[in-house]
Protein backbone atom coordinates (compact mmCIF):
# COMPACT_ATOMS: atom_id res chain seq x y z
CA GLY A 1 10.43 2.01 -7.09
CA VAL A 2 7.46 3.46 -7.54
CA ASP A 3 6.52 6.61 -10.04
CA HIS A 4 3.19 7.70 -7.78
CA GLY A 5 1.35 7.83 -4.92
CA TYR A 6 -2.49 8.40 -3.99
CA LEU A 7 -2.62 8.85 -0.71
CA TYR A 8 -6.43 8.44 0.85
CA ASN A 9 -6.30 11.30 4.16
CA ILE A 10 -8.23 9.80 6.97
CA ASN A 11 -9.15 12.57 10.01
CA LYS A 12 -5.46 13.08 9.94
CA SER A 13 -5.10 17.01 11.06
CA ASP A 14 -0.91 17.17 11.75
CA ASN A 15 0.80 19.45 8.80
CA TYR A 16 0.37 16.52 6.42
CA GLN A 17 -0.34 18.77 3.35
CA GLU A 18 2.47 20.91 4.27
CA VAL A 19 5.30 17.18 4.39
CA LEU A 20 3.43 16.62 1.07
CA ALA A 21 2.99 20.29 -0.74
CA PRO A 22 6.19 19.38 -2.76
CA TYR A 23 5.13 16.33 -3.87
CA ILE A 24 1.79 16.78 -4.83
CA GLN A 25 2.63 20.15 -6.87
CA ALA A 26 5.47 17.89 -8.22
CA GLU A 27 2.35 15.58 -9.97
CA ILE A 28 4.11 12.65 -7.75
CA VAL A 29 1.47 12.61 -5.38
CA GLU A 30 -1.98 12.73 -5.52
CA LEU A 31 -3.89 13.58 -1.97
CA LYS A 32 -8.08 12.89 -1.97
CA ASP A 33 -9.46 13.55 1.77
CA TRP A 34 -11.22 10.03 2.75
CA PRO A 35 -13.33 11.62 6.63
CA SER A 36 -14.42 8.75 8.34
CA PRO A 37 -17.74 8.80 9.43
CA VAL A 38 -18.23 8.47 12.80
CA ASN A 39 -18.62 4.52 14.69
CA LEU A 40 -18.00 3.22 10.61
CA ASP A 41 -16.55 -0.43 10.69
CA TRP A 42 -13.61 0.23 9.49
CA THR A 43 -12.56 -2.88 7.46
CA ASP A 44 -16.23 -1.30 5.75
CA PHE A 45 -14.04 2.23 5.08
CA GLN A 46 -10.92 0.83 4.58
CA LYS A 47 -12.46 -1.52 2.00
CA ALA A 48 -14.35 1.69 -0.25
CA ALA A 49 -11.10 3.51 -0.19
CA TYR A 50 -8.89 1.25 -1.50
CA ASN A 51 -11.63 0.37 -4.42
CA ASP A 52 -11.90 4.20 -4.63
CA CYS A 53 -8.16 4.21 -5.76
CA ILE A 54 -8.63 1.39 -7.79
CA THR A 55 -10.92 2.94 -9.99
CA TYR A 56 -9.40 5.61 -10.16
CA SER A 57 -6.59 4.82 -11.47
CA LYS A 58 -7.77 2.21 -13.90
CA LYS A 59 -6.16 4.15 -16.79
CA GLN A 60 -2.89 5.92 -14.92
CA THR A 61 -1.55 2.95 -13.74
CA ASN A 62 0.30 -0.60 -14.19
CA TRP A 63 0.49 -1.78 -11.15
CA LEU A 64 -1.39 -0.13 -7.82
CA ALA A 65 -0.14 -1.47 -4.53
CA MET A 66 -2.87 -1.77 -2.35
CA ILE A 67 -1.00 -0.85 1.57
CA ASP A 68 -1.12 1.41 4.79
CA ILE A 69 0.93 4.56 5.47
CA ASP A 70 2.80 2.37 8.05
CA GLU A 71 2.88 -1.09 5.77
CA TYR A 72 6.45 -1.59 3.10
CA ILE A 73 6.91 -3.16 0.42
CA VAL A 74 10.87 -3.73 0.32
CA PRO A 75 11.74 -6.58 -2.39
CA HIS A 76 14.69 -8.95 -1.74
CA LEU A 77 16.22 -10.31 -4.83
CA THR A 78 15.18 -7.32 -7.04
CA ASP A 79 16.91 -3.83 -6.33
CA SER A 80 13.48 -2.13 -6.77
CA LEU A 81 9.29 -3.20 -6.84
CA LYS A 82 9.37 -2.28 -10.55
CA THR A 83 12.03 -4.88 -11.76
CA PHE A 84 10.28 -7.44 -9.23
CA LEU A 85 7.15 -6.96 -11.09
CA LYS A 86 8.60 -7.28 -14.42
CA PRO A 87 7.87 -11.15 -14.96
CA TYR A 88 4.56 -10.63 -13.96
CA ASP A 89 3.44 -8.03 -16.52
CA LYS A 90 4.51 -11.13 -19.47
CA MET A 91 2.42 -13.93 -17.62
CA LYS A 92 -0.88 -14.45 -19.24
CA GLY A 93 -4.19 -13.95 -16.82
CA VAL A 94 -1.95 -12.22 -14.53
CA ALA A 95 -3.36 -9.10 -12.88
CA GLY A 96 -1.79 -9.54 -9.34
CA VAL A 97 0.57 -10.32 -6.67
CA ILE A 98 0.10 -11.13 -3.21
CA ILE A 99 2.54 -10.33 -0.81
CA ASN A 100 3.06 -11.82 2.87
CA TRP A 101 3.49 -9.69 5.37
CA GLN A 102 6.51 -9.35 7.80
CA MET A 103 5.27 -8.01 11.14
CA PHE A 104 7.39 -5.27 12.73
CA GLY A 105 7.11 -4.17 16.68
CA THR A 106 8.86 -1.59 18.88
CA SER A 107 11.99 -2.77 18.73
CA GLY A 108 12.33 -2.36 22.15
CA VAL A 109 12.36 2.31 21.45
CA TRP A 110 9.60 4.62 22.37
CA ASP A 111 10.25 7.34 20.40
CA ILE A 112 12.08 7.29 17.40
CA PRO A 113 14.84 10.12 17.77
CA GLU A 114 14.75 12.91 15.20
CA ASP A 115 17.51 12.77 13.19
CA MET A 116 16.34 8.73 12.78
CA LEU A 117 13.68 6.81 10.27
CA MET A 118 11.33 4.54 11.73
CA THR A 119 12.21 2.07 9.38
CA GLU A 120 15.73 2.67 10.72
CA CYS A 121 15.57 2.14 13.98
CA LEU A 122 12.04 -0.11 14.28
CA ILE A 123 14.09 -2.97 13.21
CA GLN A 124 13.32 -6.12 15.10
CA LYS A 125 10.56 -8.42 13.14
CA ALA A 126 8.88 -11.38 14.80
CA VAL A 127 9.42 -14.80 13.07
CA LYS A 128 8.36 -16.02 10.44
CA THR A 129 6.25 -18.63 11.44
CA TRP A 130 3.75 -15.93 13.58
CA HIS A 131 0.00 -16.44 12.71
CA HIS A 132 -0.28 -12.54 12.25
CA ASN A 133 2.98 -12.73 9.55
CA GLN A 134 -0.15 -15.02 7.23
CA ASN A 135 -1.58 -11.74 6.44
CA GLN A 136 -0.82 -10.51 3.19
CA LYS A 137 -1.54 -7.17 0.87
CA SER A 138 -1.49 -6.95 -2.14
CA ILE A 139 -0.02 -5.52 -6.03
CA VAL A 140 -3.49 -4.98 -8.66
CA LYS A 141 -3.57 -3.88 -12.32
CA PRO A 142 -6.18 -1.51 -11.78
CA ARG A 143 -7.58 -2.39 -14.64
CA PHE A 144 -8.29 -5.72 -14.37
CA CYS A 145 -9.36 -5.02 -10.61
CA ASN A 146 -13.09 -5.18 -9.58
CA GLY A 147 -12.22 -4.40 -6.36
CA ASN A 148 -10.21 -5.11 -3.27
CA TRP A 149 -11.09 -6.78 0.12
CA ILE A 150 -8.18 -5.23 1.54
CA HIS A 151 -5.62 -7.40 2.06
CA TYR A 152 -6.21 -9.01 -1.82
CA GLY A 153 -7.89 -7.66 -5.33
CA ASN A 154 -11.25 -9.13 -6.97
CA PHE A 155 -11.00 -9.73 -10.53
CA ILE A 156 -12.66 -10.33 -13.56
CA ALA A 157 -13.36 -13.09 -15.57
CA GLY A 158 -10.27 -14.13 -17.31
CA TYR A 159 -7.61 -12.74 -14.36
CA ARG A 160 -5.96 -13.88 -10.96
């Protein structure tokens, strides 16, 4: 349900470039190295990366999901994220949508089989009322966004 991805690499040294190469060449993904300085509070560092992405994407994208690589958006009432967001395009003053977390754990799986995806075997979730599920992430319209505070957007006057 998405057309394009902006990925920020934070000190990873595995084979991510090899894995992402076809997507980068097809211009589906843009990759930016974002090395983390030693002893920096990760929340400030993450916020800086998100805000860099908002600034960079303002003239390129209508909606931008501000999520980490281990977070997934799964619409329940529609078949795609694009369909889910469509009604919000018509609402005056709406520049973002907040979605709640639903925490998943290891599901008793310690090694993901090579022939399976993580989403196929880590399927047990915490109850909806668990306190960590009160966190959220946002999907924003970058052109109306002053920045992101990791879990929610900060919008220009007249937008919410």
